[in-house]
Structure formats: structure tokens, C-alpha cells
Amino acid sequence: MTMIRIFLTDDHPLILNGLKNLLSHTEGIKVEGTYRNGEELLQALKSCDNTPDIILLDIQMPGLQGDIICKQITRSYPNIKVIALTNLDNVYQVKSMFKAGASGYVLKTSSEEVIIKAIHKVNNNEQFLEKSIQEAMLQYSLGSGTSPKGPLLTEREKEVLQLITENNTSKEIAEKLFVSKRTIDHHRNNLLLKLDVKNTAALIKKAISMGLME
């Protein structure tokens, strides 16, 4: 039997060890490396002689964001398939990861059977979305993911958007809201995805035109 070689990346030891234990006892799957962040993973890929078939990638870790790591992997190692592993079930994150080259998207709350099914599907060159995410994507495509004034924004996203339109940098917004710059960068990225624009100037223009600002 051909083994599916796996790398696991997650900054939570309990999740990392739990996944390793699960997959190590699953027929046809071999865990060949575990990593705590994107930098460790990318360094391991550069130095290893035999790259994995699939990487289960936590998309919320210190340092590089999940979509950036995924994009680097799929561009540099086109034979490696990436399955996003996360607690985030919103449509915008799903779209972002698949746009970056991911082949699957699995929640950390998924059953063991779903995770193993995702690995086999992706290994067979199929995409995988578990049922709850498929339903969310369908609802979004049918239009329920938007309000009459446009995409649904969280209260924090509205705060960040308002400060962006006032020409604050991410660092300045972070200081005003008492959070890290990384958190603001995450919100900024979500806003770009939700409004389907590529830069801050386009974001401000579209937010105003859609009536999203006070």
C-alpha cells in the first residue's frame, strides 16, 4: 500500500499531538513532520529530501498568515496539497485559502472520520469541504451572505474600516484599539476579501459607494 505522507502544522501542542496520534494509527497515512508555525514548516520543506504529499495547515498561527504560507507552498512545491485546518468557518476565509491554492478546508471540531476523508479526497486530486462549510458557501452564493448595503461586517471590522478611511496606518489603528498590528492586518485582509478589492484605496472607495461608512 502506498503511504500518504503528511506534515502537520499547528501552534497548539494538544491539537498537534492529538492529530499526530490519530493519523499515526490510521492505515495508509504516515506523519513525517510536525511544526509549530509557518516559518518552521517552510524551513523544513527547504531542507527535506522527500517532501510530503499533504500538509494540514493551521491558518491562525503567530507570524505568517495561513493564506500567505499556503501560497508560498503551492507555488514552490506544486506537488504538495494543502488542507486548511481551522476554527474559522466564515466564507471569506474559505475563499481566501482556496484562492491561495488550498485543496481542502476542515474545521478543528470535525470528527476523525471527516479529517481522514479529507486527506484521502485531496490525495486523489479532489477538493474537500465539509458539509457545514458547503452549506455556508451555497447560502453566500445565493445572496444571503450580503445585506442590502453589502457584505456583513463585524463591529470590529466596522471600527477598523472607519479608521482606515481616516488614513490611519495598521500600527496606528492597533494602538487606538489596543490590539496587535497583526490583528489589524488580519481585519484589513478580511475587509479586502469581503469587499472584493485589492488595495486600501479601492477599499475606501467601495466602502463609501456602498454606504458602509457613517
C-alpha atoms as a PDB file:
ATOM      1  CA  MET A   1       0.000   0.000   0.000  1.00  0.00           C
ATOM      2  CA  THR A   2       1.271   3.473  -0.919  1.00  0.00           C
ATOM      3  CA  MET A   3       1.515   5.666   2.172  1.00  0.00           C
ATOM      4  CA  ILE A   4       0.166   9.214   2.193  1.00  0.00           C
ATOM      5  CA  ARG A   5       2.948  11.296   3.733  1.00  0.00           C
ATOM      6  CA  ILE A   6       1.709  14.114   5.990  1.00  0.00           C
ATOM      7  CA  PHE A   7       3.175  17.244   7.596  1.00  0.00           C
ATOM      8  CA  LEU A   8       1.168  18.794  10.460  1.00  0.00           C
ATOM      9  CA  THR A   9       1.386  22.460  11.434  1.00  0.00           C
ATOM     10  CA  ASP A  10      -0.386  23.948  14.469  1.00  0.00           C
ATOM     11  CA  ASP A  11       0.748  26.207  17.292  1.00  0.00           C
ATOM     12  CA  HIS A  12      -1.333  24.370  19.901  1.00  0.00           C
ATOM     13  CA  PRO A  13       0.561  21.312  21.243  1.00  0.00           C
ATOM     14  CA  LEU A  14      -2.613  19.473  22.271  1.00  0.00           C
ATOM     15  CA  ILE A  15      -4.086  19.707  18.770  1.00  0.00           C
ATOM     16  CA  LEU A  16      -0.767  18.905  17.127  1.00  0.00           C
ATOM     17  CA  ASN A  17      -0.171  15.837  19.295  1.00  0.00           C
ATOM     18  CA  GLY A  18      -3.804  14.733  19.009  1.00  0.00           C
ATOM     19  CA  LEU A  19      -3.686  14.839  15.222  1.00  0.00           C
ATOM     20  CA  LYS A  20      -0.350  13.069  15.158  1.00  0.00           C
ATOM     21  CA  ASN A  21      -1.695  10.304  17.391  1.00  0.00           C
ATOM     22  CA  LEU A  22      -4.850   9.933  15.293  1.00  0.00           C
ATOM     23  CA  LEU A  23      -3.121   9.829  11.923  1.00  0.00           C
ATOM     24  CA  SER A  24      -0.199   7.699  13.085  1.00  0.00           C
ATOM     25  CA  HIS A  25      -2.690   4.936  13.873  1.00  0.00           C
ATOM     26  CA  THR A  26      -4.553   5.295  10.568  1.00  0.00           C
ATOM     27  CA  GLU A  27      -3.769   2.752   7.882  1.00  0.00           C
ATOM     28  CA  GLY A  28      -2.200   4.234   4.769  1.00  0.00           C
ATOM     29  CA  ILE A  29      -1.162   7.524   6.412  1.00  0.00           C
ATOM     30  CA  LYS A  30       2.256   8.426   7.804  1.00  0.00           C
ATOM     31  CA  VAL A  31       3.041  11.606   9.738  1.00  0.00           C
ATOM     32  CA  GLU A  32       6.549  12.655   8.758  1.00  0.00           C
ATOM     33  CA  GLY A  33       6.793  16.016  10.496  1.00  0.00           C
ATOM     34  CA  THR A  34       5.072  18.323  12.998  1.00  0.00           C
ATOM     35  CA  TYR A  35       5.652  22.075  13.164  1.00  0.00           C
ATOM     36  CA  ARG A  36       4.514  24.878  15.442  1.00  0.00           C
ATOM     37  CA  ASN A  37       4.425  27.743  12.933  1.00  0.00           C
ATOM     38  CA  GLY A  38       4.746  28.617   9.284  1.00  0.00           C
ATOM     39  CA  GLU A  39       8.398  29.554   9.477  1.00  0.00           C
ATOM     40  CA  GLU A  40       9.333  26.136  10.897  1.00  0.00           C
ATOM     41  CA  LEU A  41       7.286  24.450   8.183  1.00  0.00           C
ATOM     42  CA  LEU A  42       8.813  26.407   5.302  1.00  0.00           C
ATOM     43  CA  GLN A  43      12.319  25.802   6.634  1.00  0.00           C
ATOM     44  CA  ALA A  44      11.619  22.074   6.902  1.00  0.00           C
ATOM     45  CA  LEU A  45      10.394  21.962   3.314  1.00  0.00           C
ATOM     46  CA  LYS A  46      13.591  23.629   2.104  1.00  0.00           C
ATOM     47  CA  SER A  47      15.814  21.147   3.891  1.00  0.00           C
ATOM     48  CA  CYS A  48      13.918  17.856   3.452  1.00  0.00           C
ATOM     49  CA  ASP A  49      14.810  15.427   0.672  1.00  0.00           C
ATOM     50  CA  ASN A  50      11.354  13.900   0.420  1.00  0.00           C
ATOM     51  CA  THR A  51       8.513  16.419   0.590  1.00  0.00           C
ATOM     52  CA  PRO A  52       5.106  15.341   1.952  1.00  0.00           C
ATOM     53  CA  ASP A  53       2.033  14.616  -0.139  1.00  0.00           C
ATOM     54  CA  ILE A  54      -0.247  16.722   2.053  1.00  0.00           C
ATOM     55  CA  ILE A  55       0.159  19.457   4.656  1.00  0.00           C
ATOM     56  CA  LEU A  56      -2.533  20.046   7.272  1.00  0.00           C
ATOM     57  CA  LEU A  57      -2.082  23.749   7.903  1.00  0.00           C
ATOM     58  CA  ASP A  58      -3.474  25.746  10.807  1.00  0.00           C
ATOM     59  CA  ILE A  59      -4.299  29.133   9.290  1.00  0.00           C
ATOM     60  CA  GLN A  60      -4.126  31.127  12.539  1.00  0.00           C
ATOM     61  CA  MET A  61      -0.597  30.953  13.905  1.00  0.00           C
ATOM     62  CA  PRO A  62       1.925  33.529  15.114  1.00  0.00           C
ATOM     63  CA  GLY A  63       3.878  35.035  12.232  1.00  0.00           C
ATOM     64  CA  LEU A  64       2.802  34.480   8.637  1.00  0.00           C
ATOM     65  CA  GLN A  65      -0.912  34.218   7.898  1.00  0.00           C
ATOM     66  CA  GLY A  66      -2.298  30.953   6.576  1.00  0.00           C
ATOM     67  CA  ASP A  67      -3.100  32.161   3.070  1.00  0.00           C
ATOM     68  CA  ILE A  68       0.420  33.560   2.636  1.00  0.00           C
ATOM     69  CA  ILE A  69       2.016  30.296   3.793  1.00  0.00           C
ATOM     70  CA  CYS A  70      -0.313  28.304   1.546  1.00  0.00           C
ATOM     71  CA  LYS A  71       0.517  30.450  -1.475  1.00  0.00           C
ATOM     72  CA  GLN A  72       4.262  30.019  -0.884  1.00  0.00           C
ATOM     73  CA  ILE A  73       3.903  26.251  -0.580  1.00  0.00           C
ATOM     74  CA  THR A  74       1.703  25.730  -3.631  1.00  0.00           C
ATOM     75  CA  ARG A  75       3.919  27.946  -5.797  1.00  0.00           C
ATOM     76  CA  SER A  76       7.235  26.457  -4.690  1.00  0.00           C
ATOM     77  CA  TYR A  77       6.061  22.849  -4.284  1.00  0.00           C
ATOM     78  CA  PRO A  78       3.221  22.244  -6.779  1.00  0.00           C
ATOM     79  CA  ASN A  79       3.083  18.535  -5.926  1.00  0.00           C
ATOM     80  CA  ILE A  80       2.189  19.260  -2.296  1.00  0.00           C
ATOM     81  CA  LYS A  81      -1.509  19.641  -1.466  1.00  0.00           C
ATOM     82  CA  VAL A  82      -2.658  21.832   1.436  1.00  0.00           C
ATOM     83  CA  ILE A  83      -5.657  21.263   3.694  1.00  0.00           C
ATOM     84  CA  ALA A  84      -6.583  24.265   5.824  1.00  0.00           C
ATOM     85  CA  LEU A  85      -7.199  23.305   9.451  1.00  0.00           C
ATOM     86  CA  THR A  86      -9.009  25.965  11.465  1.00  0.00           C
ATOM     87  CA  ASN A  87     -11.755  27.079  13.807  1.00  0.00           C
ATOM     88  CA  LEU A  88     -12.824  29.745  11.300  1.00  0.00           C
ATOM     89  CA  ASP A  89     -15.920  28.766   9.348  1.00  0.00           C
ATOM     90  CA  ASN A  90     -16.625  32.035   7.519  1.00  0.00           C
ATOM     91  CA  VAL A  91     -16.928  32.142   3.749  1.00  0.00           C
ATOM     92  CA  TYR A  92     -14.255  34.798   3.335  1.00  0.00           C
ATOM     93  CA  GLN A  93     -11.551  32.671   4.940  1.00  0.00           C
ATOM     94  CA  VAL A  94     -12.578  29.694   2.818  1.00  0.00           C
ATOM     95  CA  LYS A  95     -12.386  31.760  -0.365  1.00  0.00           C
ATOM     96  CA  SER A  96      -9.030  33.200   0.682  1.00  0.00           C
ATOM     97  CA  MET A  97      -7.470  29.782   1.298  1.00  0.00           C
ATOM     98  CA  PHE A  98      -8.723  28.237  -1.932  1.00  0.00           C
ATOM     99  CA  LYS A  99      -7.546  31.312  -3.826  1.00  0.00           C
ATOM    100  CA  ALA A 100      -4.108  30.726  -2.255  1.00  0.00           C
ATOM    101  CA  GLY A 101      -4.090  27.163  -3.591  1.00  0.00           C
ATOM    102  CA  ALA A 102      -5.562  25.037  -0.801  1.00  0.00           C
ATOM    103  CA  SER A 103      -7.288  21.805  -1.809  1.00  0.00           C
ATOM    104  CA  GLY A 104      -9.307  21.285   1.356  1.00  0.00           C
ATOM    105  CA  TYR A 105     -10.809  23.153   4.303  1.00  0.00           C
ATOM    106  CA  VAL A 106     -11.519  21.324   7.564  1.00  0.00           C
ATOM    107  CA  LEU A 107     -12.654  22.586  10.960  1.00  0.00           C
ATOM    108  CA  LYS A 108     -10.811  21.561  14.110  1.00  0.00           C
ATOM    109  CA  THR A 109     -14.173  20.480  15.506  1.00  0.00           C
ATOM    110  CA  SER A 110     -14.539  17.910  12.712  1.00  0.00           C
ATOM    111  CA  SER A 111     -14.778  14.226  13.516  1.00  0.00           C
ATOM    112  CA  GLU A 112     -11.853  11.889  12.964  1.00  0.00           C
ATOM    113  CA  GLU A 113     -13.727  10.372  10.026  1.00  0.00           C
ATOM    114  CA  VAL A 114     -14.082  13.751   8.305  1.00  0.00           C
ATOM    115  CA  ILE A 115     -10.379  14.576   8.684  1.00  0.00           C
ATOM    116  CA  ILE A 116      -9.325  11.202   7.292  1.00  0.00           C
ATOM    117  CA  LYS A 117     -11.866  11.503   4.464  1.00  0.00           C
ATOM    118  CA  ALA A 118     -10.474  14.945   3.596  1.00  0.00           C
ATOM    119  CA  ILE A 119      -6.945  13.549   3.377  1.00  0.00           C
ATOM    120  CA  HIS A 120      -7.969  10.756   1.031  1.00  0.00           C
ATOM    121  CA  LYS A 121     -10.100  13.023  -1.158  1.00  0.00           C
ATOM    122  CA  VAL A 122      -7.352  15.606  -1.533  1.00  0.00           C
ATOM    123  CA  ASN A 123      -4.764  12.904  -2.159  1.00  0.00           C
ATOM    124  CA  ASN A 124      -6.967  11.743  -5.047  1.00  0.00           C
ATOM    125  CA  ASN A 125      -6.794  15.248  -6.572  1.00  0.00           C
ATOM    126  CA  GLU A 126     -10.264  16.236  -5.367  1.00  0.00           C
ATOM    127  CA  GLN A 127     -11.223  19.309  -3.361  1.00  0.00           C
ATOM    128  CA  PHE A 128     -12.781  18.828   0.063  1.00  0.00           C
ATOM    129  CA  LEU A 129     -15.209  20.990   2.027  1.00  0.00           C
ATOM    130  CA  GLU A 130     -17.147  19.503   4.877  1.00  0.00           C
ATOM    131  CA  LYS A 131     -20.912  19.741   4.721  1.00  0.00           C
ATOM    132  CA  SER A 132     -21.423  22.726   7.039  1.00  0.00           C
ATOM    133  CA  ILE A 133     -18.992  24.841   5.013  1.00  0.00           C
ATOM    134  CA  GLN A 134     -20.541  23.706   1.735  1.00  0.00           C
ATOM    135  CA  GLU A 135     -23.905  24.928   3.006  1.00  0.00           C
ATOM    136  CA  ALA A 136     -22.428  28.279   4.062  1.00  0.00           C
ATOM    137  CA  MET A 137     -20.850  28.708   0.634  1.00  0.00           C
ATOM    138  CA  LEU A 138     -24.156  27.874  -1.037  1.00  0.00           C
ATOM    139  CA  GLN A 139     -26.060  30.397   1.074  1.00  0.00           C
ATOM    140  CA  TYR A 140     -23.453  33.027   0.264  1.00  0.00           C
ATOM    141  CA  SER A 141     -23.664  32.318  -3.475  1.00  0.00           C
ATOM    142  CA  LEU A 142     -27.463  32.635  -3.298  1.00  0.00           C
ATOM    143  CA  GLY A 143     -27.101  36.091  -1.830  1.00  0.00           C
ATOM    144  CA  SER A 144     -27.813  35.583   1.863  1.00  0.00           C
ATOM    145  CA  GLY A 145     -24.191  36.390   2.669  1.00  0.00           C
ATOM    146  CA  THR A 146     -24.844  40.045   1.985  1.00  0.00           C
ATOM    147  CA  SER A 147     -27.096  42.703   3.403  1.00  0.00           C
ATOM    148  CA  PRO A 148     -28.904  45.392   1.367  1.00  0.00           C
ATOM    149  CA  LYS A 149     -25.882  47.620   1.872  1.00  0.00           C
ATOM    150  CA  GLY A 150     -23.299  44.954   1.068  1.00  0.00           C
ATOM    151  CA  PRO A 151     -21.309  42.329   2.956  1.00  0.00           C
ATOM    152  CA  LEU A 152     -21.926  41.717   6.635  1.00  0.00           C
ATOM    153  CA  LEU A 153     -19.152  43.277   8.698  1.00  0.00           C
ATOM    154  CA  THR A 154     -18.432  42.600  12.348  1.00  0.00           C
ATOM    155  CA  GLU A 155     -18.454  45.552  14.739  1.00  0.00           C
ATOM    156  CA  ARG A 156     -14.659  45.372  14.973  1.00  0.00           C
ATOM    157  CA  GLU A 157     -14.330  45.329  11.183  1.00  0.00           C
ATOM    158  CA  LYS A 158     -16.527  48.433  11.011  1.00  0.00           C
ATOM    159  CA  GLU A 159     -14.251  50.159  13.540  1.00  0.00           C
ATOM    160  CA  VAL A 160     -11.153  49.201  11.572  1.00  0.00           C
ATOM    161  CA  LEU A 161     -12.738  50.281   8.287  1.00  0.00           C
ATOM    162  CA  GLN A 162     -13.662  53.673   9.743  1.00  0.00           C
ATOM    163  CA  LEU A 163     -10.099  54.207  10.958  1.00  0.00           C
ATOM    164  CA  ILE A 164      -8.701  53.114   7.586  1.00  0.00           C
ATOM    165  CA  THR A 165     -10.850  55.715   5.827  1.00  0.00           C
ATOM    166  CA  GLU A 166      -9.373  58.302   8.210  1.00  0.00           C
ATOM    167  CA  ASN A 167      -5.922  57.431   6.780  1.00  0.00           C
ATOM    168  CA  ASN A 168      -4.614  55.606   9.853  1.00  0.00           C
ATOM    169  CA  THR A 169      -1.890  53.008   9.351  1.00  0.00           C
ATOM    170  CA  SER A 170      -2.288  49.489  10.736  1.00  0.00           C
ATOM    171  CA  LYS A 171       0.125  50.378  13.544  1.00  0.00           C
ATOM    172  CA  GLU A 172      -1.878  53.481  14.452  1.00  0.00           C
ATOM    173  CA  ILE A 173      -5.161  51.542  14.369  1.00  0.00           C
ATOM    174  CA  ALA A 174      -3.656  48.847  16.591  1.00  0.00           C
ATOM    175  CA  GLU A 175      -2.641  51.485  19.140  1.00  0.00           C
ATOM    176  CA  LYS A 176      -6.077  53.106  19.091  1.00  0.00           C
ATOM    177  CA  LEU A 177      -7.893  49.786  19.563  1.00  0.00           C
ATOM    178  CA  PHE A 178      -5.342  48.314  21.988  1.00  0.00           C
ATOM    179  CA  VAL A 179      -4.632  45.237  19.901  1.00  0.00           C
ATOM    180  CA  SER A 180      -1.631  43.939  17.953  1.00  0.00           C
ATOM    181  CA  LYS A 181      -0.727  45.138  14.472  1.00  0.00           C
ATOM    182  CA  ARG A 182      -1.060  41.501  13.343  1.00  0.00           C
ATOM    183  CA  THR A 183      -4.698  41.521  14.445  1.00  0.00           C
ATOM    184  CA  ILE A 184      -5.368  44.690  12.464  1.00  0.00           C
ATOM    185  CA  ASP A 185      -3.646  43.232   9.400  1.00  0.00           C
ATOM    186  CA  HIS A 186      -5.970  40.235   9.736  1.00  0.00           C
ATOM    187  CA  HIS A 187      -9.041  42.505   9.852  1.00  0.00           C
ATOM    188  CA  ARG A 188      -7.731  44.537   6.912  1.00  0.00           C
ATOM    189  CA  ASN A 189      -7.286  41.356   4.886  1.00  0.00           C
ATOM    190  CA  ASN A 190     -10.830  40.247   5.717  1.00  0.00           C
ATOM    191  CA  LEU A 191     -12.181  43.621   4.623  1.00  0.00           C
ATOM    192  CA  LEU A 192     -10.384  43.368   1.285  1.00  0.00           C
ATOM    193  CA  LEU A 193     -11.873  39.896   0.797  1.00  0.00           C
ATOM    194  CA  LYS A 194     -15.390  40.889   1.818  1.00  0.00           C
ATOM    195  CA  LEU A 195     -15.482  43.938  -0.422  1.00  0.00           C
ATOM    196  CA  ASP A 196     -13.632  42.084  -3.191  1.00  0.00           C
ATOM    197  CA  VAL A 197     -10.937  44.728  -3.702  1.00  0.00           C
ATOM    198  CA  LYS A 198      -7.142  44.542  -3.898  1.00  0.00           C
ATOM    199  CA  ASN A 199      -5.866  47.634  -2.081  1.00  0.00           C
ATOM    200  CA  THR A 200      -6.715  50.264   0.518  1.00  0.00           C
ATOM    201  CA  ALA A 201      -7.666  52.972  -1.987  1.00  0.00           C
ATOM    202  CA  ALA A 202     -10.190  50.661  -3.661  1.00  0.00           C
ATOM    203  CA  LEU A 203     -11.433  49.537  -0.235  1.00  0.00           C
ATOM    204  CA  ILE A 204     -12.210  53.101   0.866  1.00  0.00           C
ATOM    205  CA  LYS A 205     -13.851  53.997  -2.455  1.00  0.00           C
ATOM    206  CA  LYS A 206     -16.084  50.919  -2.434  1.00  0.00           C
ATOM    207  CA  ALA A 207     -16.991  51.234   1.270  1.00  0.00           C
ATOM    208  CA  ILE A 208     -18.187  54.797   0.683  1.00  0.00           C
ATOM    209  CA  SER A 209     -20.061  53.922  -2.521  1.00  0.00           C
ATOM    210  CA  MET A 210     -21.854  51.041  -0.744  1.00  0.00           C
ATOM    211  CA  GLY A 211     -22.863  53.199   2.192  1.00  0.00           C
ATOM    212  CA  LEU A 212     -20.875  51.183   4.701  1.00  0.00           C
ATOM    213  CA  MET A 213     -19.482  54.271   6.393  1.00  0.00           C
ATOM    214  CA  GLU A 214     -21.258  56.704   8.662  1.00  0.00           C
END
